[in-house]
């Protein structure tokens, strides 16, 4: 069984050739916040060789020298992130999954950059930055 997902308008779709996501984190870094337009974005890291685009071609934005972000050019959905700092993985936007409720986060990352008015009232672990 695979994990599937895609953008809001259905133009871009992907598949992950595995059944579980084990590295799911809520990112509070300023780049993710600005790009997503939200207070945070939740990512799941998957092996790069398990990830495949199946429909459409996502647009690419080089947000940092080491970071490429993929999104739908039609509707703007943030889909994935690839960084040369973790070259064997692809980060997937959990809310772009077809069944995001199945993949709850395990931790908060880049907490040192969270907005001051955001309260972390859950029992999840916190990392000031991200430990790769």
N, C-alpha and C. Protein backbone atom coordinates (compact mmCIF):
# COMPACT_ATOMS: atom_id res chain seq x y z
N UNK A 1 0.84 -1.18 0.00
CA UNK A 1 0.00 0.00 0.00
C UNK A 1 0.89 1.24 0.00
N UNK A 2 0.46 2.26 -0.70
CA UNK A 2 1.21 3.50 -0.83
C UNK A 2 0.47 4.64 -0.14
N UNK A 3 1.17 5.73 0.04
CA UNK A 3 0.60 6.96 0.56
C UNK A 3 0.50 7.93 -0.62
N UNK A 4 -0.64 8.58 -0.77
CA UNK A 4 -0.84 9.47 -1.91
C UNK A 4 -1.22 10.87 -1.43
N UNK A 5 -1.01 11.82 -2.33
CA UNK A 5 -1.37 13.19 -2.02
C UNK A 5 -1.31 14.05 -3.25
N UNK A 6 -1.59 15.32 -3.08
CA UNK A 6 -1.57 16.25 -4.19
C UNK A 6 -2.08 17.61 -3.78
N UNK A 7 -2.20 18.46 -4.75
CA UNK A 7 -2.59 19.84 -4.51
C UNK A 7 -4.11 19.99 -4.40
N UNK A 8 -4.53 21.16 -4.03
CA UNK A 8 -5.95 21.48 -3.85
C UNK A 8 -6.75 21.32 -5.14
N UNK A 9 -6.22 21.80 -6.26
CA UNK A 9 -6.97 21.76 -7.52
C UNK A 9 -6.86 20.43 -8.26
N UNK A 10 -5.97 19.54 -7.82
CA UNK A 10 -5.84 18.23 -8.45
C UNK A 10 -4.88 18.17 -9.62
N UNK A 11 -4.24 19.28 -9.94
CA UNK A 11 -3.32 19.32 -11.09
C UNK A 11 -2.05 18.49 -10.84
N UNK A 12 -1.53 18.53 -9.62
CA UNK A 12 -0.29 17.81 -9.30
C UNK A 12 -0.58 16.74 -8.25
N UNK A 13 -0.10 15.53 -8.51
CA UNK A 13 -0.30 14.40 -7.60
C UNK A 13 1.04 13.70 -7.37
N UNK A 14 1.14 13.00 -6.25
CA UNK A 14 2.36 12.25 -5.94
C UNK A 14 2.00 10.97 -5.20
N UNK A 15 2.98 10.07 -5.13
CA UNK A 15 2.83 8.83 -4.38
C UNK A 15 4.11 8.59 -3.59
N UNK A 16 3.94 8.01 -2.41
CA UNK A 16 5.06 7.62 -1.56
C UNK A 16 4.97 6.11 -1.40
N UNK A 17 6.00 5.41 -1.82
CA UNK A 17 5.99 3.94 -1.82
C UNK A 17 6.34 3.39 -0.44
N UNK A 18 5.51 3.69 0.54
CA UNK A 18 5.64 3.12 1.87
C UNK A 18 4.30 3.31 2.56
N UNK A 19 4.14 2.70 3.72
CA UNK A 19 2.83 2.76 4.38
C UNK A 19 2.82 3.60 5.65
N UNK A 20 3.97 3.99 6.15
CA UNK A 20 4.04 4.80 7.36
C UNK A 20 4.96 6.00 7.16
N UNK A 21 4.66 7.06 7.88
CA UNK A 21 5.54 8.23 7.93
C UNK A 21 6.00 8.36 9.37
N UNK A 22 7.30 8.30 9.58
CA UNK A 22 7.81 8.28 10.95
C UNK A 22 8.42 9.60 11.39
N UNK A 23 8.84 10.44 10.49
CA UNK A 23 9.47 11.71 10.85
C UNK A 23 8.53 12.85 10.46
N UNK A 24 7.57 13.15 11.33
CA UNK A 24 6.57 14.19 11.07
C UNK A 24 6.79 15.31 12.07
N UNK A 25 7.03 16.53 11.57
CA UNK A 25 7.37 17.64 12.45
C UNK A 25 6.65 18.92 12.02
N UNK A 26 6.27 19.71 13.01
CA UNK A 26 5.68 21.02 12.79
C UNK A 26 6.82 22.03 12.76
N UNK A 27 7.00 22.69 11.62
CA UNK A 27 8.11 23.63 11.46
C UNK A 27 7.64 25.06 11.68
N UNK A 28 8.37 25.77 12.55
CA UNK A 28 8.06 27.16 12.87
C UNK A 28 9.09 28.12 12.29
N UNK A 29 9.95 27.66 11.38
CA UNK A 29 10.98 28.56 10.84
C UNK A 29 10.33 29.70 10.06
N UNK A 30 11.04 30.82 10.00
CA UNK A 30 10.48 32.00 9.35
C UNK A 30 10.27 31.80 7.85
N UNK A 31 11.09 30.98 7.21
CA UNK A 31 10.92 30.74 5.77
C UNK A 31 9.63 29.96 5.51
N UNK A 32 9.42 28.87 6.25
CA UNK A 32 8.20 28.08 6.08
C UNK A 32 6.95 28.92 6.37
N UNK A 33 7.03 29.75 7.41
CA UNK A 33 5.88 30.59 7.75
C UNK A 33 5.56 31.56 6.62
N UNK A 34 6.57 32.20 6.09
CA UNK A 34 6.34 33.19 5.02
C UNK A 34 5.84 32.53 3.75
N UNK A 35 6.41 31.40 3.39
CA UNK A 35 6.02 30.73 2.14
C UNK A 35 4.62 30.12 2.24
N UNK A 36 4.28 29.57 3.42
CA UNK A 36 2.97 28.95 3.57
C UNK A 36 1.88 29.97 3.88
N UNK A 37 2.26 31.11 4.43
CA UNK A 37 1.27 32.09 4.84
C UNK A 37 0.60 31.74 6.15
N UNK A 38 1.15 30.75 6.86
CA UNK A 38 0.57 30.31 8.12
C UNK A 38 1.54 30.47 9.27
N UNK A 39 1.10 30.09 10.46
CA UNK A 39 1.96 30.19 11.64
C UNK A 39 3.01 29.09 11.67
N UNK A 40 2.82 28.06 10.86
CA UNK A 40 3.74 26.92 10.78
C UNK A 40 3.33 26.06 9.58
N UNK A 41 4.13 25.05 9.29
CA UNK A 41 3.76 24.04 8.29
C UNK A 41 4.26 22.70 8.83
N UNK A 42 3.52 21.64 8.57
CA UNK A 42 3.89 20.33 9.06
C UNK A 42 4.47 19.52 7.91
N UNK A 43 5.68 19.00 8.12
CA UNK A 43 6.40 18.23 7.11
C UNK A 43 6.58 16.79 7.58
N UNK A 44 6.63 15.89 6.62
CA UNK A 44 7.01 14.50 6.86
C UNK A 44 8.18 14.19 5.94
N UNK A 45 9.26 13.69 6.49
CA UNK A 45 10.43 13.32 5.68
C UNK A 45 10.27 11.88 5.20
N UNK A 46 10.47 11.68 3.90
CA UNK A 46 10.38 10.34 3.33
C UNK A 46 11.63 10.08 2.50
N UNK A 47 12.00 8.81 2.32
CA UNK A 47 13.15 8.52 1.47
C UNK A 47 12.91 9.05 0.06
N UNK A 48 13.90 9.72 -0.48
CA UNK A 48 13.77 10.30 -1.82
C UNK A 48 13.40 9.23 -2.85
N UNK A 49 13.97 8.04 -2.72
CA UNK A 49 13.68 6.99 -3.70
C UNK A 49 12.30 6.37 -3.53
N UNK A 50 11.55 6.74 -2.47
CA UNK A 50 10.18 6.26 -2.28
C UNK A 50 9.15 7.26 -2.79
N UNK A 51 9.61 8.46 -3.19
CA UNK A 51 8.72 9.53 -3.62
C UNK A 51 8.70 9.66 -5.14
N UNK A 52 7.49 9.89 -5.69
CA UNK A 52 7.38 10.05 -7.14
C UNK A 52 6.19 10.96 -7.48
N UNK A 53 6.43 11.92 -8.39
CA UNK A 53 5.34 12.72 -8.93
C UNK A 53 4.57 11.82 -9.90
N UNK A 54 3.25 11.79 -9.83
CA UNK A 54 2.46 10.90 -10.69
C UNK A 54 1.58 11.64 -11.68
N UNK A 55 1.34 12.90 -11.44
CA UNK A 55 0.48 13.68 -12.34
C UNK A 55 0.90 15.13 -12.29
N UNK A 56 0.97 15.76 -13.44
CA UNK A 56 1.34 17.16 -13.50
C UNK A 56 2.80 17.37 -13.14
N UNK A 57 3.23 18.60 -13.28
CA UNK A 57 4.60 18.96 -12.93
C UNK A 57 4.55 20.14 -11.97
N UNK A 58 5.11 19.98 -10.77
CA UNK A 58 5.07 21.10 -9.83
C UNK A 58 6.02 22.22 -10.24
N UNK A 59 5.69 23.41 -9.80
CA UNK A 59 6.60 24.54 -9.98
C UNK A 59 7.67 24.45 -8.89
N UNK A 60 8.79 25.07 -9.14
CA UNK A 60 9.94 25.00 -8.24
C UNK A 60 10.34 26.41 -7.82
N UNK A 61 10.60 26.56 -6.52
CA UNK A 61 11.11 27.82 -5.99
C UNK A 61 12.33 27.52 -5.13
N UNK A 62 13.46 28.15 -5.45
CA UNK A 62 14.71 27.99 -4.70
C UNK A 62 14.67 29.00 -3.55
N UNK A 63 14.20 28.56 -2.37
CA UNK A 63 14.02 29.49 -1.26
C UNK A 63 15.31 29.80 -0.51
N UNK A 64 16.26 28.92 -0.57
CA UNK A 64 17.58 29.07 0.06
C UNK A 64 18.57 28.40 -0.89
N UNK A 65 19.86 28.67 -0.79
CA UNK A 65 20.82 28.00 -1.67
C UNK A 65 20.74 26.47 -1.59
N UNK A 66 20.38 25.95 -0.42
CA UNK A 66 20.32 24.50 -0.25
C UNK A 66 18.91 23.93 -0.30
N UNK A 67 17.91 24.75 -0.59
CA UNK A 67 16.52 24.32 -0.44
C UNK A 67 15.66 24.64 -1.65
N UNK A 68 15.01 23.60 -2.18
CA UNK A 68 14.07 23.74 -3.28
C UNK A 68 12.68 23.39 -2.78
N UNK A 69 11.71 24.22 -3.07
CA UNK A 69 10.33 23.98 -2.66
C UNK A 69 9.48 23.78 -3.90
N UNK A 70 8.61 22.79 -3.83
CA UNK A 70 7.74 22.45 -4.94
C UNK A 70 6.30 22.78 -4.58
N UNK A 71 5.58 23.39 -5.52
CA UNK A 71 4.21 23.80 -5.27
C UNK A 71 3.43 23.75 -6.57
N UNK A 72 2.11 23.78 -6.47
CA UNK A 72 1.27 23.79 -7.66
C UNK A 72 1.20 25.21 -8.20
N UNK A 73 1.53 25.38 -9.48
CA UNK A 73 1.48 26.70 -10.10
C UNK A 73 0.04 27.17 -10.31
N UNK A 74 -0.92 26.24 -10.31
CA UNK A 74 -2.33 26.61 -10.50
C UNK A 74 -2.97 27.13 -9.22
N UNK A 75 -2.84 26.38 -8.12
CA UNK A 75 -3.56 26.74 -6.89
C UNK A 75 -2.64 27.19 -5.76
N UNK A 76 -1.34 26.98 -5.89
CA UNK A 76 -0.39 27.46 -4.89
C UNK A 76 -0.09 26.52 -3.74
N UNK A 77 -0.70 25.34 -3.73
CA UNK A 77 -0.47 24.40 -2.63
C UNK A 77 1.01 24.08 -2.47
N UNK A 78 1.54 24.23 -1.25
CA UNK A 78 2.91 23.82 -0.94
C UNK A 78 2.93 22.30 -0.84
N UNK A 79 3.72 21.64 -1.67
CA UNK A 79 3.71 20.19 -1.75
C UNK A 79 4.91 19.52 -1.11
N UNK A 80 6.10 19.99 -1.43
CA UNK A 80 7.28 19.31 -0.91
C UNK A 80 8.47 20.26 -0.85
N UNK A 81 9.51 19.75 -0.19
CA UNK A 81 10.73 20.51 0.01
C UNK A 81 11.90 19.53 -0.09
N UNK A 82 12.89 19.90 -0.86
CA UNK A 82 14.12 19.11 -0.95
C UNK A 82 15.28 19.99 -0.51
N UNK A 83 16.12 19.46 0.36
CA UNK A 83 17.30 20.20 0.79
C UNK A 83 18.55 19.34 0.63
N UNK A 84 19.61 19.97 0.18
CA UNK A 84 20.89 19.26 0.05
C UNK A 84 21.48 18.94 1.42
N UNK A 85 20.92 19.50 2.49
CA UNK A 85 21.37 19.18 3.84
C UNK A 85 20.92 17.78 4.25
N UNK A 86 19.89 17.26 3.59
CA UNK A 86 19.41 15.88 3.82
C UNK A 86 19.10 15.28 2.44
N UNK A 87 20.15 15.01 1.65
CA UNK A 87 19.97 14.67 0.24
C UNK A 87 19.26 13.34 -0.06
N UNK A 88 19.08 12.52 0.93
CA UNK A 88 18.42 11.23 0.71
C UNK A 88 16.92 11.27 0.99
N UNK A 89 16.40 12.46 1.35
CA UNK A 89 14.99 12.56 1.70
C UNK A 89 14.28 13.67 0.95
N UNK A 90 12.95 13.57 0.94
CA UNK A 90 12.07 14.62 0.44
C UNK A 90 11.10 14.90 1.58
N UNK A 91 10.86 16.17 1.87
CA UNK A 91 9.87 16.53 2.88
C UNK A 91 8.55 16.81 2.17
N UNK A 92 7.49 16.22 2.68
CA UNK A 92 6.16 16.34 2.10
C UNK A 92 5.30 17.17 3.05
N UNK A 93 4.53 18.09 2.50
CA UNK A 93 3.58 18.84 3.30
C UNK A 93 2.46 17.88 3.73
N UNK A 94 2.36 17.64 5.02
CA UNK A 94 1.41 16.64 5.52
C UNK A 94 -0.02 16.99 5.12
N UNK A 95 -0.36 18.26 5.09
CA UNK A 95 -1.73 18.62 4.74
C UNK A 95 -2.03 18.46 3.25
N UNK A 96 -1.02 18.15 2.44
CA UNK A 96 -1.28 17.83 1.03
C UNK A 96 -1.53 16.33 0.83
N UNK A 97 -1.41 15.54 1.90
CA UNK A 97 -1.70 14.10 1.81
C UNK A 97 -3.21 13.90 1.67
N UNK A 98 -3.60 12.81 1.02
CA UNK A 98 -5.02 12.51 0.90
C UNK A 98 -5.66 12.20 2.24
N UNK A 99 -4.88 11.66 3.18
CA UNK A 99 -5.37 11.32 4.53
C UNK A 99 -4.44 11.87 5.61
N UNK A 100 -4.36 13.19 5.76
CA UNK A 100 -3.41 13.76 6.71
C UNK A 100 -3.67 13.38 8.16
N UNK A 101 -4.91 13.05 8.51
CA UNK A 101 -5.21 12.65 9.90
C UNK A 101 -4.46 11.41 10.33
N UNK A 102 -4.01 10.60 9.37
CA UNK A 102 -3.29 9.37 9.69
C UNK A 102 -1.85 9.62 10.11
N UNK A 103 -1.35 10.85 9.97
CA UNK A 103 0.06 11.14 10.19
C UNK A 103 0.25 12.33 11.13
N UNK A 104 -0.07 12.16 12.41
CA UNK A 104 0.09 13.26 13.36
C UNK A 104 1.58 13.59 13.60
N UNK A 105 1.87 14.82 13.95
CA UNK A 105 3.26 15.21 14.19
C UNK A 105 3.79 14.60 15.48
N UNK A 106 5.13 14.48 15.52
CA UNK A 106 5.82 13.95 16.69
C UNK A 106 6.58 15.03 17.47
N UNK A 107 6.82 16.17 16.79
CA UNK A 107 7.62 17.22 17.43
C UNK A 107 7.42 18.55 16.72
N UNK A 108 7.87 19.61 17.40
CA UNK A 108 7.96 20.96 16.83
C UNK A 108 9.44 21.21 16.54
N UNK A 109 9.73 21.81 15.39
CA UNK A 109 11.11 22.18 15.07
C UNK A 109 11.19 23.67 14.80
N UNK A 110 12.39 24.20 14.92
CA UNK A 110 12.68 25.63 14.76
C UNK A 110 11.80 26.47 15.70
N UNK A 111 11.64 25.97 16.93
CA UNK A 111 10.81 26.64 17.92
C UNK A 111 11.38 28.02 18.27
N UNK A 112 12.69 28.19 18.15
CA UNK A 112 13.29 29.50 18.45
C UNK A 112 12.78 30.58 17.50
N UNK A 113 12.17 30.19 16.37
CA UNK A 113 11.64 31.14 15.40
C UNK A 113 10.11 31.26 15.43
N UNK A 114 9.45 30.56 16.34
CA UNK A 114 7.99 30.61 16.35
C UNK A 114 7.52 32.02 16.71
N UNK A 115 6.35 32.36 16.26
CA UNK A 115 5.77 33.66 16.58
C UNK A 115 5.50 33.74 18.08
N UNK A 116 5.71 34.90 18.66
CA UNK A 116 5.58 35.05 20.11
C UNK A 116 4.16 34.78 20.60
N UNK A 117 3.17 35.00 19.78
CA UNK A 117 1.79 34.80 20.19
C UNK A 117 1.26 33.39 19.91
N UNK A 118 2.13 32.50 19.42
CA UNK A 118 1.76 31.10 19.23
C UNK A 118 2.11 30.33 20.50
N UNK A 119 1.13 29.65 21.05
CA UNK A 119 1.34 28.87 22.27
C UNK A 119 1.39 27.39 21.92
N UNK A 120 2.41 26.71 22.41
CA UNK A 120 2.54 25.27 22.18
C UNK A 120 1.99 24.55 23.42
N UNK A 121 0.73 24.19 23.35
CA UNK A 121 0.05 23.60 24.51
C UNK A 121 -0.12 22.09 24.36
N UNK A 122 0.67 21.48 23.50
CA UNK A 122 0.58 20.03 23.33
C UNK A 122 1.75 19.36 24.04
N UNK A 123 1.80 18.07 23.97
CA UNK A 123 2.84 17.30 24.66
C UNK A 123 3.98 16.89 23.72
N UNK A 124 4.05 17.50 22.55
CA UNK A 124 5.07 17.14 21.58
C UNK A 124 6.43 17.68 22.00
N UNK A 125 7.48 16.98 21.58
CA UNK A 125 8.84 17.44 21.82
C UNK A 125 9.12 18.71 21.03
N UNK A 126 10.09 19.46 21.48
CA UNK A 126 10.47 20.72 20.83
C UNK A 126 11.96 20.76 20.58
N UNK A 127 12.33 21.24 19.40
CA UNK A 127 13.73 21.46 19.06
C UNK A 127 13.89 22.92 18.67
N UNK A 128 14.89 23.62 19.26
CA UNK A 128 15.11 25.02 18.92
C UNK A 128 15.37 25.21 17.43
N UNK A 129 16.12 24.27 16.85
CA UNK A 129 16.37 24.26 15.41
C UNK A 129 15.85 22.92 14.90
N UNK A 130 16.51 22.35 13.94
CA UNK A 130 16.14 21.02 13.46
C UNK A 130 17.37 20.14 13.56
N UNK A 131 17.21 19.00 14.17
CA UNK A 131 18.29 18.04 14.27
C UNK A 131 18.15 17.06 13.12
N UNK A 132 19.12 17.08 12.20
CA UNK A 132 19.05 16.20 11.03
C UNK A 132 19.69 14.87 11.32
